[in-house]
Structure formats: structure tokens, C-alpha cells
Protein backbone atom coordinates (compact mmCIF):
# COMPACT_ATOMS: atom_id res chain seq x y z
CA MET A 1 0.00 0.00 0.00
CA PRO A 2 1.45 3.42 -0.94
CA LYS A 3 2.65 5.53 1.98
CA GLY A 4 2.25 9.26 2.39
CA TYR A 5 -0.04 11.60 0.46
CA HIS A 6 -0.17 11.48 -3.32
CA HIS A 7 -2.10 13.88 -5.56
CA LEU A 8 -5.19 12.13 -6.88
CA THR A 9 -6.00 12.15 -10.59
CA TYR A 10 -9.37 12.88 -12.18
CA SER A 11 -9.89 9.20 -13.02
CA ILE A 12 -9.18 8.19 -9.41
CA ARG A 13 -11.75 10.74 -8.20
CA CYS A 14 -14.29 9.26 -10.63
CA GLN A 15 -13.73 5.84 -9.10
CA ILE A 16 -13.97 7.21 -5.53
CA TYR A 17 -17.33 8.72 -6.45
CA ALA A 18 -18.63 5.47 -7.95
CA LEU A 19 -17.37 3.24 -5.13
CA LYS A 20 -18.65 5.60 -2.43
CA ALA A 21 -22.09 5.70 -4.13
CA ARG A 22 -22.04 1.89 -4.07
CA GLY A 23 -21.56 2.01 -0.30
CA ASP A 24 -17.94 0.84 -0.05
CA SER A 25 -16.02 1.76 3.09
CA LEU A 26 -12.92 3.96 3.02
CA ARG A 27 -10.70 0.92 3.49
CA ALA A 28 -12.46 -1.00 0.71
CA ILE A 29 -12.14 1.97 -1.66
CA GLY A 30 -8.48 2.29 -0.76
CA ARG A 31 -7.79 -1.40 -1.45
CA THR A 32 -9.57 -1.23 -4.82
CA LEU A 33 -7.69 1.87 -5.98
CA GLY A 34 -4.31 1.17 -4.39
CA VAL A 35 -4.56 4.37 -2.32
CA HIS A 36 -4.23 4.54 1.46
CA HIS A 37 -7.63 4.88 3.14
CA THR A 38 -6.48 8.00 5.01
CA ASN A 39 -5.92 9.68 1.64
CA ILE A 40 -9.48 8.73 0.67
CA GLY A 41 -10.79 10.23 3.89
CA ARG A 42 -8.78 13.43 3.38
CA GLU A 43 -10.08 13.69 -0.18
CA LEU A 44 -13.72 13.40 0.95
CA ARG A 45 -13.27 15.94 3.77
CA ARG A 46 -11.47 18.56 1.69
CA ASN A 47 -13.38 18.33 -1.57
CA SER A 48 -17.00 17.64 -0.60
CA ASP A 49 -19.63 20.36 -0.46
CA LEU A 50 -23.22 20.67 0.78
CA ASN A 51 -24.35 18.26 -1.95
CA GLY A 52 -21.82 15.64 -0.95
CA TYR A 53 -18.88 14.39 -3.04
CA CYS A 54 -18.84 14.97 -6.81
CA TYR A 55 -15.73 14.02 -8.79
CA GLU A 56 -15.92 17.04 -11.12
CA THR A 57 -16.33 19.56 -8.28
CA ALA A 58 -13.67 17.79 -6.21
CA HIS A 59 -11.13 17.87 -9.02
CA SER A 60 -11.79 21.54 -9.75
CA LYS A 61 -11.37 22.45 -6.08
CA ALA A 62 -8.14 20.48 -5.81
CA ILE A 63 -6.63 22.03 -8.94
CA ARG A 64 -7.63 25.53 -7.90
CA ARG A 65 -6.15 25.08 -4.42
CA ARG A 66 -2.95 23.65 -5.86
CA HIS A 67 -2.51 26.54 -8.29
CA LEU A 68 -3.18 29.18 -5.63
CA ALA A 69 -0.70 27.73 -3.15
CA PRO A 70 2.70 29.43 -3.43
CA ASN A 71 5.69 27.20 -4.02
CA LYS A 72 8.42 28.57 -1.80
CA ARG A 73 11.06 26.40 -3.45
CA LEU A 74 10.51 27.93 -6.87
CA THR A 75 13.01 30.74 -6.31
CA PRO A 76 14.35 33.02 -9.08
CA LYS A 77 17.60 31.06 -9.01
CA ILE A 78 15.82 27.72 -9.43
CA ILE A 79 13.63 29.18 -12.18
CA THR A 80 16.72 30.24 -14.12
CA VAL A 81 18.20 26.76 -13.86
CA ILE A 82 14.91 25.18 -14.93
CA GLU A 83 14.38 27.45 -17.93
CA ASN A 84 17.97 27.01 -19.14
CA ARG A 85 17.58 23.25 -19.16
CA ILE A 86 14.15 23.34 -20.75
CA ARG A 87 15.77 25.23 -23.65
CA LEU A 88 18.25 22.36 -23.87
CA GLN A 89 15.21 20.08 -24.40
CA TRP A 90 15.49 18.47 -20.98
CA SER A 91 12.16 17.06 -19.80
CA PRO A 92 10.66 18.26 -16.49
CA VAL A 93 11.31 14.78 -15.04
CA GLN A 94 14.98 14.99 -16.03
CA ILE A 95 15.31 18.50 -14.60
CA SER A 96 13.67 17.52 -11.32
CA GLY A 97 15.90 14.46 -10.99
CA TRP A 98 19.03 16.47 -11.77
CA LEU A 99 18.12 19.13 -9.19
CA LYS A 100 17.56 16.45 -6.59
CA ARG A 101 21.09 15.13 -7.15
CA HIS A 102 22.99 18.37 -7.63
CA ALA A 103 21.12 21.26 -5.99
CA LYS A 104 20.39 22.15 -2.40
CA ASP A 105 16.74 22.75 -3.22
CA HIS A 106 14.71 20.87 -5.78
CA VAL A 107 11.14 20.84 -7.07
CA SER A 108 8.93 18.15 -8.52
CA HIS A 109 8.39 17.67 -12.23
CA GLU A 110 4.73 18.65 -11.71
CA THR A 111 5.85 22.01 -10.33
CA ILE A 112 8.04 22.49 -13.38
CA TYR A 113 5.13 21.66 -15.68
CA GLN A 114 2.96 24.20 -13.84
CA HIS A 115 5.67 26.83 -14.34
CA ILE A 116 5.71 26.02 -18.08
CA TRP A 117 1.90 26.37 -18.34
CA ARG A 118 1.96 29.69 -16.47
CA ASN A 119 4.65 30.85 -18.87
CA LYS A 120 2.51 29.76 -21.82
CA ARG A 121 -0.56 31.62 -20.51
CA LYS A 122 1.54 34.76 -20.36
CA GLY A 123 2.64 34.29 -23.96
CA GLY A 124 5.91 32.53 -23.23
CA LEU A 125 7.38 29.80 -25.42
CA LEU A 126 8.93 27.39 -22.92
CA TYR A 127 6.39 24.71 -23.90
CA LYS A 128 7.81 24.71 -27.44
CA ASP A 129 10.92 22.96 -26.12
CA LEU A 130 8.94 20.06 -24.64
CA ARG A 131 9.18 16.89 -26.68
CA ARG A 132 5.42 16.76 -27.19
CA LYS A 133 5.04 20.55 -27.40
CA GLY A 134 2.62 20.44 -24.49
CA LYS A 135 0.31 17.88 -26.06
CA LYS A 136 -1.39 15.84 -23.36
CA TYR A 137 -0.18 12.30 -22.85
CA ASN A 138 -2.85 9.66 -22.39
CA LYS A 139 -1.36 7.92 -19.37
CA ARG A 140 -2.18 4.25 -18.97
CA SER A 141 -2.93 3.52 -15.38
CA LYS A 142 -4.62 0.62 -13.72
CA VAL A 143 -7.86 2.48 -13.05
CA ASN A 144 -10.10 3.47 -15.93
CA ALA A 145 -7.16 4.59 -18.03
CA GLY A 146 -7.68 7.01 -20.85
CA ARG A 147 -11.34 6.41 -21.54
CA GLY A 148 -13.03 8.81 -19.18
CA CYS A 149 -15.24 8.17 -16.17
CA ILE A 150 -18.43 6.11 -16.57
CA PRO A 151 -20.91 6.79 -13.73
CA GLY A 152 -22.19 3.63 -12.12
CA ARG A 153 -19.55 1.47 -13.77
CA VAL A 154 -19.65 -2.15 -12.55
CA ASP A 155 -16.34 -3.98 -12.86
CA ILE A 156 -16.02 -7.38 -14.52
CA ASP A 157 -14.89 -8.81 -11.17
CA GLN A 158 -18.53 -8.57 -10.06
CA ARG A 159 -19.84 -10.49 -13.05
CA PRO A 160 -21.30 -13.96 -12.24
CA GLU A 161 -18.64 -16.67 -12.43
CA ILE A 162 -20.78 -18.77 -14.78
CA VAL A 163 -20.17 -16.25 -17.57
CA GLU A 164 -16.51 -17.21 -17.68
CA GLU A 165 -17.43 -20.87 -18.23
CA LYS A 166 -19.27 -20.17 -21.54
CA THR A 167 -21.71 -22.95 -20.74
CA ARG A 168 -24.98 -21.04 -20.94
CA LEU A 169 -26.68 -18.98 -23.61
CA GLY A 170 -27.18 -15.27 -22.93
CA ASP A 171 -23.83 -13.66 -22.13
CA TRP A 172 -22.82 -11.02 -24.68
CA GLU A 173 -19.66 -9.04 -25.41
CA LEU A 174 -19.96 -5.56 -26.92
CA ASP A 175 -17.66 -3.25 -28.84
CA THR A 176 -17.55 -0.51 -31.48
CA ILE A 177 -15.47 -0.53 -34.67
CA ILE A 178 -14.68 2.97 -35.88
CA GLY A 179 -14.54 4.01 -39.53
CA ALA A 180 -11.78 6.09 -41.10
CA GLY A 181 -11.67 9.65 -39.81
CA HIS A 182 -14.14 8.63 -37.10
CA ARG A 183 -16.85 8.64 -39.76
CA GLY A 184 -19.44 6.14 -38.70
CA ALA A 185 -19.12 3.10 -36.44
CA ILE A 186 -20.21 -0.52 -36.35
CA VAL A 187 -21.62 -1.77 -33.05
CA SER A 188 -20.75 -5.45 -32.65
CA MET A 189 -22.48 -7.83 -30.22
CA VAL A 190 -21.32 -11.44 -29.83
CA GLU A 191 -22.92 -14.15 -27.69
CA ARG A 192 -20.21 -16.06 -25.83
CA ARG A 193 -21.65 -19.61 -25.97
CA SER A 194 -23.00 -19.76 -29.54
CA LYS A 195 -20.72 -17.07 -31.12
CA LEU A 196 -23.85 -15.52 -32.68
CA THR A 197 -23.02 -12.01 -33.96
CA LYS A 198 -25.28 -8.96 -34.26
CA LEU A 199 -24.15 -5.82 -36.09
CA VAL A 200 -25.53 -2.28 -36.42
CA VAL A 201 -24.09 0.77 -38.20
CA VAL A 202 -24.42 4.14 -36.44
CA PRO A 203 -23.44 7.58 -37.82
CA ASN A 204 -21.28 8.29 -34.75
CA LYS A 205 -20.60 6.61 -31.44
CA THR A 206 -22.60 8.80 -29.07
CA ALA A 207 -23.94 7.08 -25.99
CA GLN A 208 -27.50 7.56 -27.24
CA ASN A 209 -26.74 6.01 -30.65
CA ILE A 210 -25.07 3.03 -29.02
CA GLU A 211 -27.96 2.53 -26.61
CA THR A 212 -30.46 2.64 -29.48
CA ALA A 213 -28.43 0.14 -31.52
CA LEU A 214 -28.09 -2.32 -28.63
CA ILE A 215 -31.80 -2.19 -27.79
CA GLU A 216 -32.80 -2.51 -31.46
CA LYS A 217 -30.80 -5.71 -31.97
CA LEU A 218 -31.04 -7.39 -28.57
CA ARG A 219 -34.59 -6.63 -27.44
CA PRO A 220 -36.04 -9.34 -29.76
CA LEU A 221 -33.66 -11.76 -28.00
CA LYS A 222 -34.33 -10.40 -24.52
CA LYS A 223 -35.07 -13.89 -23.13
CA PHE A 224 -31.53 -14.84 -24.07
CA VAL A 225 -29.68 -11.80 -22.68
CA TYR A 226 -28.36 -12.23 -19.13
CA THR A 227 -25.16 -10.17 -19.13
CA LEU A 228 -23.43 -7.58 -21.31
CA THR A 229 -19.69 -6.88 -21.13
CA SER A 230 -17.96 -3.95 -22.85
CA ASP A 231 -14.75 -1.98 -22.71
CA ASN A 232 -14.55 1.40 -20.94
CA GLY A 233 -15.45 3.62 -23.87
CA LYS A 234 -17.68 6.60 -23.10
CA GLU A 235 -20.04 5.38 -25.81
CA PHE A 236 -21.29 2.84 -23.25
CA ALA A 237 -22.15 5.55 -20.70
CA ASN A 238 -25.88 4.69 -20.97
CA HIS A 239 -25.19 1.17 -19.72
CA GLN A 240 -27.67 1.46 -16.85
CA SER A 241 -30.50 2.28 -19.23
CA VAL A 242 -29.51 -0.56 -21.57
CA GLY A 243 -29.31 -3.05 -18.70
CA SER A 244 -32.68 -1.93 -17.37
CA LYS A 245 -34.45 -2.24 -20.73
CA LEU A 246 -32.99 -5.68 -21.36
CA ASP A 247 -33.22 -6.90 -17.73
CA ALA A 248 -29.51 -7.74 -17.95
CA GLY A 249 -26.39 -7.05 -15.92
CA PHE A 250 -23.90 -4.68 -17.59
CA TYR A 251 -20.20 -5.07 -16.77
CA PHE A 252 -16.96 -3.41 -17.85
CA ALA A 253 -13.68 -5.16 -18.59
CA LYS A 254 -10.56 -3.78 -16.97
CA PRO A 255 -8.70 -1.11 -18.97
CA TYR A 256 -6.13 -2.46 -21.45
CA GLN A 257 -7.07 -6.09 -20.81
CA SER A 258 -8.78 -6.84 -24.13
CA TRP A 259 -8.40 -10.58 -23.54
CA GLN A 260 -11.33 -10.28 -21.12
CA ARG A 261 -13.44 -9.72 -24.26
CA GLY A 262 -11.39 -12.00 -26.47
CA LEU A 263 -14.32 -13.35 -28.48
CA ASN A 264 -15.45 -9.83 -29.37
CA GLU A 265 -11.92 -8.82 -30.38
CA HIS A 266 -11.64 -11.91 -32.59
CA THR A 267 -15.01 -11.21 -34.19
CA ASN A 268 -14.02 -7.61 -34.90
CA GLY A 269 -11.06 -9.00 -36.84
CA LEU A 270 -13.43 -11.10 -38.94
CA ILE A 271 -15.60 -8.05 -39.60
CA ARG A 272 -12.55 -6.10 -40.78
CA GLN A 273 -12.24 -8.60 -43.63
CA TYR A 274 -15.34 -6.97 -45.11
CA PHE A 275 -14.89 -3.42 -43.80
CA PRO A 276 -11.11 -2.81 -43.75
CA LYS A 277 -9.30 -0.03 -41.94
CA GLY A 278 -9.23 3.15 -43.97
CA GLN A 279 -12.86 2.79 -45.00
CA SER A 280 -15.49 5.25 -43.85
CA PHE A 281 -18.59 3.59 -42.38
CA ILE A 282 -20.88 6.56 -42.87
CA ASN A 283 -22.48 5.30 -46.09
CA ILE A 284 -22.63 1.54 -45.45
CA PRO A 285 -26.13 0.43 -46.56
CA PRO A 286 -28.14 -1.72 -44.13
CA GLN A 287 -28.12 -4.57 -46.67
CA ALA A 288 -24.30 -4.70 -46.58
CA ILE A 289 -24.10 -5.00 -42.80
CA GLU A 290 -26.91 -7.59 -42.80
CA ARG A 291 -25.00 -9.64 -45.37
CA VAL A 292 -21.84 -9.69 -43.25
CA GLU A 293 -23.85 -10.63 -40.17
CA MET A 294 -25.43 -13.50 -42.12
CA LEU A 295 -22.05 -14.70 -43.43
CA LEU A 296 -20.56 -14.79 -39.94
CA ASN A 297 -23.55 -16.56 -38.42
CA THR A 298 -23.82 -19.24 -41.11
CA ARG A 299 -20.14 -20.14 -41.22
CA PRO A 300 -19.24 -23.49 -39.53
CA ARG A 301 -16.95 -23.02 -36.54
CA LYS A 302 -14.48 -25.59 -35.28
CA ILE A 303 -15.06 -24.51 -31.68
CA LEU A 304 -18.76 -25.37 -32.19
CA ASN A 305 -17.93 -28.82 -33.57
CA PHE A 306 -18.53 -27.34 -37.01
CA GLU A 307 -22.01 -26.14 -36.29
CA THR A 308 -22.73 -22.58 -37.36
CA PRO A 309 -23.38 -19.91 -34.70
CA LEU A 310 -26.97 -19.64 -35.93
CA GLU A 311 -27.50 -23.41 -35.63
CA THR A 312 -26.02 -23.47 -32.13
CA PHE A 313 -28.04 -20.49 -30.96
CA THR A 314 -31.26 -21.91 -32.42
CA ARG A 315 -30.70 -25.32 -30.83
CA LEU A 316 -29.82 -23.96 -27.38
CA SER A 317 -32.56 -21.35 -27.33
CA SER A 318 -35.14 -23.96 -28.34
CA ASN A 319 -34.03 -26.18 -25.47
CA MET A 320 -34.36 -23.26 -23.05
CA VAL A 321 -37.89 -22.47 -24.24
CA GLN A 322 -38.97 -26.12 -23.98
CA SER A 323 -37.58 -26.47 -20.49
């Protein structure tokens, strides 16, 4: 468990909000996020308001307080050293590490970044000497990395264990395939036991479009929809509405662990055979997507003992209805 206080990121605050709303204790939240429970308690005390704890308000308050607090170590002498080395294309991390080894006083790389952004706001050009010219880096962390916060997100760890066995009909994996230039998207749905695939084209991957597509294709099969599992894309932000309308549990795989939706990833590769990268999806006619869906569902699969997904789904669903 990490010791001492560490600045919390926006994504961590999102998770604190979701876990607190679920009723988790401070210690449970701390264990889930890898943050000491005292840090969680401090975060809730300092950044809550009359309406309770909200991740957006909390992050804004923390950033504002951090920017207003004077940094006594950032003396004119240290600033000169920092700016000279920035112009030599040293990174803030390299500068901070060098100061720690060679100077009496040193500052963190975050403080150096803040100095660069203040300089930029005043019209300065220090940021031009950064390797990425100030472009934000999409840091991959273990919690909800890079894809934004999804309110009410339920982790795959809470999904029923039977789903992993692939022995029953009704557990679906979801994803979106994006066209060239982000023009259009294909929503793919694959049933884990039978490998049955459902496809819908949407003009863009807004949460509302994705919700509509999922309901359109899966509502006729509602009796055979128990769980839905997706990645952490914001396009699945309406997951609670989808789960409610289909009477199904909705779960999210862990960030950057695509193997947790391996069947869906494999199916997306098959779909790319017909809609390759570099192709816009904005003008795909419904007949074209229906044809690909039919081809995938009527192709014998070795894993199904050379039954087709449609044959397997029909057989298993008939057995369920009869029983």
C-alpha cells in the first residue's frame, strides 16, 4: 500500500465517487484503488460540499487550491536553472531528478510543468521545447485509463462466475469498430456460448446512438440476454438504461485487458475482412451490414464442432424455451 499523500487524478476521483455511491467503506475503496484509506478520507473531507462528493467539483477544487498555493522552493535562481535546461530540451522529469542530485533545493516535475503552463498563458514559449510541445499524454494507469469516467460502472470482477465458463446462452460481449476519420461506427455484439453475432451501423458513437443500436438488436432476443460486457469507452455511458431495458447485468472489462473480451476482439477481426481499416462507415447500406452478419452466423466453426453460430443459438434457445 502506498505511503504518504499522493495527488489524486481525475480518473481516481471518478472511481472514488462510484465506489462511495455503491456504499464501499474507506478501506475498501483504498484497497480497490491502491490508495491509502487515510488519503481517501482526506479527499472526501477537503473536496466535498453541501451536496456531498462529486468528482468534477472535487477535481476543480483540488486544482484551484494547488494553483493558488505558493511554491516557496521555486526561487528566481531555481527558475533560471529550470528554464535554461528546458531550452536544452530536458524534460521536467529529467530536470527535477538532476536538481535532486545536484542542488540544495529541488522541485517536482509537476511544479516544473505548472511553471511552463503559467509561462505559456503569459505568452511565453517554454512549452515549445517540450518533446510533445505540451500535447497531453494519455497515461495508462490501472484504473479506468484514458477512456473517461463512466458513472455507475460495474467492474467485470462482479460479473457472475458462470459467464466465464461459456456454458450457458445469454452472455454477450460488446464493442464498437470505428470508420476512417471517425466517420461512422459498427456496433458489434457477440454471444459467448454460440458465437452468434449482431451488427448495427451508427453515424457516430454517441452514448444515445449506441444505446439505441443495442436495444434494437437485442430486445427481440431479450429472453436470451443475461449479461453484457464492454470496454470502458464513453459510448457505453448509458449502460444502466440498456441493462434496465434488457433486464440484464452490464459489466466493464478492466482497462487495457482486451483478452477479457477476447471473443469480441476476434469477431471484430473477422468483420474487418469486409470493412477494412481506412474505410469510412458513414455510407454503409443496411443490406451490406446484414449480409456480413449473415455470413458470420452461417459459417461453420471448429469450436462449435462445425455447427454454425446460428444453428447453435437456435438449438440452445429452443431447449431453453422447452424447459
